[in-house]
Amino acid sequence: MRILNLAAIFSAFVIVSAAANPAYAVGGDYLRKGSQTIKVFTSGGKLFCKRKSDGFEMCHGMKKAGNVWKGGNMKHPDMPGFMTFNGTVTFSGAGLSIKGCAIGESFCDAEKWKKK
């Protein structure tokens, strides 16, 4: 009986830790601009973000750096497809913040996406 209680306590701790730790909230579907569903996932330790309606890839192969993901292959759906930006993605319990910049930090755009 004592082992079952310890197992239950441990399981509850793992669930609470996972909910509080942004590293566990990386994958899933997110809403961009209220109606666009974006699939966010990792593959090979890198982060990817694709719009479900047409497969447009907004972030490609971003690497984890502390509590954020960074990379230079970010695209903005309202810009020509050949343009890439330096970007960061930061996860929170309710969603994520995504930011892309060109010419260093002089030209940036940022959005917040809610977890679906």
C-alpha atoms as a PDB file:
ATOM      1  CA  MET A   1       0.000   0.000   0.000  1.00  0.00           C
ATOM      2  CA  ARG A   2       2.834   2.395   0.846  1.00  0.00           C
ATOM      3  CA  ILE A   3       4.404   1.768  -2.591  1.00  0.00           C
ATOM      4  CA  LEU A   4       1.117   2.687  -4.280  1.00  0.00           C
ATOM      5  CA  ASN A   5       0.935   5.948  -2.311  1.00  0.00           C
ATOM      6  CA  LEU A   6       4.510   6.816  -3.271  1.00  0.00           C
ATOM      7  CA  ALA A   7       3.762   5.997  -6.902  1.00  0.00           C
ATOM      8  CA  ALA A   8       0.675   8.236  -6.829  1.00  0.00           C
ATOM      9  CA  ILE A   9       2.630  11.110  -5.280  1.00  0.00           C
ATOM     10  CA  PHE A  10       5.429  10.700  -7.814  1.00  0.00           C
ATOM     11  CA  SER A  11       2.938  10.622 -10.713  1.00  0.00           C
ATOM     12  CA  ALA A  12       1.240  13.791  -9.477  1.00  0.00           C
ATOM     13  CA  PHE A  13       4.637  15.504  -9.150  1.00  0.00           C
ATOM     14  CA  VAL A  14       5.567  14.570 -12.731  1.00  0.00           C
ATOM     15  CA  ILE A  15       2.260  15.871 -14.086  1.00  0.00           C
ATOM     16  CA  VAL A  16       2.539  19.180 -12.205  1.00  0.00           C
ATOM     17  CA  SER A  17       6.189  19.585 -13.233  1.00  0.00           C
ATOM     18  CA  ALA A  18       5.340  18.927 -16.875  1.00  0.00           C
ATOM     19  CA  ALA A  19       2.570  21.522 -16.834  1.00  0.00           C
ATOM     20  CA  ALA A  20       4.840  24.128 -15.261  1.00  0.00           C
ATOM     21  CA  ASN A  21       7.854  23.445 -17.464  1.00  0.00           C
ATOM     22  CA  PRO A  22       7.720  25.078 -20.924  1.00  0.00           C
ATOM     23  CA  ALA A  23       9.935  22.339 -22.348  1.00  0.00           C
ATOM     24  CA  TYR A  24       6.976  19.955 -22.088  1.00  0.00           C
ATOM     25  CA  ALA A  25       4.599  22.348 -23.869  1.00  0.00           C
ATOM     26  CA  VAL A  26       6.538  22.579 -27.132  1.00  0.00           C
ATOM     27  CA  GLY A  27       4.478  20.421 -29.470  1.00  0.00           C
ATOM     28  CA  GLY A  28       0.905  20.804 -30.544  1.00  0.00           C
ATOM     29  CA  ASP A  29      -1.459  23.012 -32.477  1.00  0.00           C
ATOM     30  CA  TYR A  30      -1.457  26.781 -31.978  1.00  0.00           C
ATOM     31  CA  LEU A  31      -3.766  29.504 -33.284  1.00  0.00           C
ATOM     32  CA  ARG A  32      -2.220  32.373 -35.237  1.00  0.00           C
ATOM     33  CA  LYS A  33      -4.384  35.474 -35.703  1.00  0.00           C
ATOM     34  CA  GLY A  34      -7.314  33.608 -34.167  1.00  0.00           C
ATOM     35  CA  SER A  35      -8.043  31.282 -37.102  1.00  0.00           C
ATOM     36  CA  GLN A  36      -4.831  29.882 -38.631  1.00  0.00           C
ATOM     37  CA  THR A  37      -3.817  26.572 -37.100  1.00  0.00           C
ATOM     38  CA  ILE A  38      -0.052  26.123 -36.848  1.00  0.00           C
ATOM     39  CA  LYS A  39       1.459  22.738 -36.086  1.00  0.00           C
ATOM     40  CA  VAL A  40       4.522  23.163 -33.837  1.00  0.00           C
ATOM     41  CA  PHE A  41       6.785  20.153 -33.369  1.00  0.00           C
ATOM     42  CA  THR A  42      10.335  19.039 -32.804  1.00  0.00           C
ATOM     43  CA  SER A  43      12.317  16.670 -34.955  1.00  0.00           C
ATOM     44  CA  GLY A  44      15.938  15.743 -34.372  1.00  0.00           C
ATOM     45  CA  GLY A  45      16.074  18.177 -31.456  1.00  0.00           C
ATOM     46  CA  LYS A  46      15.047  21.138 -33.645  1.00  0.00           C
ATOM     47  CA  LEU A  47      11.827  23.164 -33.712  1.00  0.00           C
ATOM     48  CA  PHE A  48       9.501  23.497 -36.710  1.00  0.00           C
ATOM     49  CA  CYS A  49       6.251  25.476 -37.244  1.00  0.00           C
ATOM     50  CA  LYS A  50       3.961  24.753 -40.210  1.00  0.00           C
ATOM     51  CA  ARG A  51       0.607  26.240 -41.129  1.00  0.00           C
ATOM     52  CA  LYS A  52      -1.820  23.328 -41.467  1.00  0.00           C
ATOM     53  CA  SER A  53      -3.909  24.787 -44.298  1.00  0.00           C
ATOM     54  CA  ASP A  54      -1.112  24.935 -46.864  1.00  0.00           C
ATOM     55  CA  GLY A  55       2.079  23.611 -45.225  1.00  0.00           C
ATOM     56  CA  PHE A  56       3.782  27.024 -45.158  1.00  0.00           C
ATOM     57  CA  GLU A  57       6.754  26.642 -42.834  1.00  0.00           C
ATOM     58  CA  MET A  58       7.300  29.640 -40.560  1.00  0.00           C
ATOM     59  CA  CYS A  59      10.152  28.308 -38.447  1.00  0.00           C
ATOM     60  CA  HIS A  60      12.540  25.675 -39.666  1.00  0.00           C
ATOM     61  CA  GLY A  61      15.178  23.863 -37.616  1.00  0.00           C
ATOM     62  CA  MET A  62      15.391  26.252 -34.690  1.00  0.00           C
ATOM     63  CA  LYS A  63      17.784  25.210 -31.912  1.00  0.00           C
ATOM     64  CA  LYS A  64      17.089  25.365 -28.193  1.00  0.00           C
ATOM     65  CA  ALA A  65      19.118  28.012 -26.350  1.00  0.00           C
ATOM     66  CA  GLY A  66      18.153  28.089 -22.677  1.00  0.00           C
ATOM     67  CA  ASN A  67      14.418  28.814 -22.416  1.00  0.00           C
ATOM     68  CA  VAL A  68      14.010  29.919 -26.046  1.00  0.00           C
ATOM     69  CA  TRP A  69      14.422  28.432 -29.504  1.00  0.00           C
ATOM     70  CA  LYS A  70      16.535  30.410 -31.983  1.00  0.00           C
ATOM     71  CA  GLY A  71      17.298  30.153 -35.665  1.00  0.00           C
ATOM     72  CA  GLY A  72      17.961  31.970 -38.903  1.00  0.00           C
ATOM     73  CA  ASN A  73      15.462  30.171 -41.124  1.00  0.00           C
ATOM     74  CA  MET A  74      12.238  31.849 -40.034  1.00  0.00           C
ATOM     75  CA  LYS A  75       9.743  33.016 -42.675  1.00  0.00           C
ATOM     76  CA  HIS A  76       6.789  35.388 -42.409  1.00  0.00           C
ATOM     77  CA  PRO A  77       3.637  34.391 -44.303  1.00  0.00           C
ATOM     78  CA  ASP A  78       3.047  37.981 -45.450  1.00  0.00           C
ATOM     79  CA  MET A  79       6.552  38.345 -46.963  1.00  0.00           C
ATOM     80  CA  PRO A  80       8.035  36.801 -50.135  1.00  0.00           C
ATOM     81  CA  GLY A  81       8.955  33.141 -49.597  1.00  0.00           C
ATOM     82  CA  PHE A  82      12.642  33.604 -50.387  1.00  0.00           C
ATOM     83  CA  MET A  83      13.128  35.981 -47.413  1.00  0.00           C
ATOM     84  CA  THR A  84      14.358  34.485 -44.143  1.00  0.00           C
ATOM     85  CA  PHE A  85      14.708  36.091 -40.739  1.00  0.00           C
ATOM     86  CA  ASN A  86      16.502  35.504 -37.460  1.00  0.00           C
ATOM     87  CA  GLY A  87      13.917  34.425 -34.976  1.00  0.00           C
ATOM     88  CA  THR A  88      13.088  33.320 -31.475  1.00  0.00           C
ATOM     89  CA  VAL A  89      10.237  31.259 -30.078  1.00  0.00           C
ATOM     90  CA  THR A  90       9.414  31.322 -26.375  1.00  0.00           C
ATOM     91  CA  PHE A  91       6.803  28.988 -24.870  1.00  0.00           C
ATOM     92  CA  SER A  92       4.475  29.755 -21.972  1.00  0.00           C
ATOM     93  CA  GLY A  93       1.632  27.806 -20.403  1.00  0.00           C
ATOM     94  CA  ALA A  94      -1.020  29.445 -22.605  1.00  0.00           C
ATOM     95  CA  GLY A  95       0.882  29.571 -25.881  1.00  0.00           C
ATOM     96  CA  LEU A  96       4.016  30.967 -27.417  1.00  0.00           C
ATOM     97  CA  SER A  97       5.652  34.188 -28.526  1.00  0.00           C
ATOM     98  CA  ILE A  98       7.358  34.220 -31.904  1.00  0.00           C
ATOM     99  CA  LYS A  99       9.624  37.022 -33.124  1.00  0.00           C
ATOM    100  CA  GLY A 100      11.486  37.451 -36.396  1.00  0.00           C
ATOM    101  CA  CYS A 101      14.082  40.139 -37.158  1.00  0.00           C
ATOM    102  CA  ALA A 102      15.991  41.360 -40.207  1.00  0.00           C
ATOM    103  CA  ILE A 103      19.105  43.517 -40.318  1.00  0.00           C
ATOM    104  CA  GLY A 104      20.092  42.638 -36.769  1.00  0.00           C
ATOM    105  CA  GLU A 105      17.352  43.821 -34.440  1.00  0.00           C
ATOM    106  CA  SER A 106      16.402  46.899 -36.474  1.00  0.00           C
ATOM    107  CA  PHE A 107      13.350  45.437 -38.260  1.00  0.00           C
ATOM    108  CA  CYS A 108      11.300  42.968 -36.180  1.00  0.00           C
ATOM    109  CA  ASP A 109       7.791  41.557 -36.060  1.00  0.00           C
ATOM    110  CA  ALA A 110       6.366  39.567 -33.158  1.00  0.00           C
ATOM    111  CA  GLU A 111       3.175  37.603 -32.549  1.00  0.00           C
ATOM    112  CA  LYS A 112       1.598  35.589 -29.752  1.00  0.00           C
ATOM    113  CA  TRP A 113      -0.099  32.315 -30.581  1.00  0.00           C
ATOM    114  CA  LYS A 114      -2.538  30.548 -28.243  1.00  0.00           C
ATOM    115  CA  LYS A 115      -2.309  26.811 -27.709  1.00  0.00           C
ATOM    116  CA  LYS A 116      -5.332  25.134 -29.277  1.00  0.00           C
END
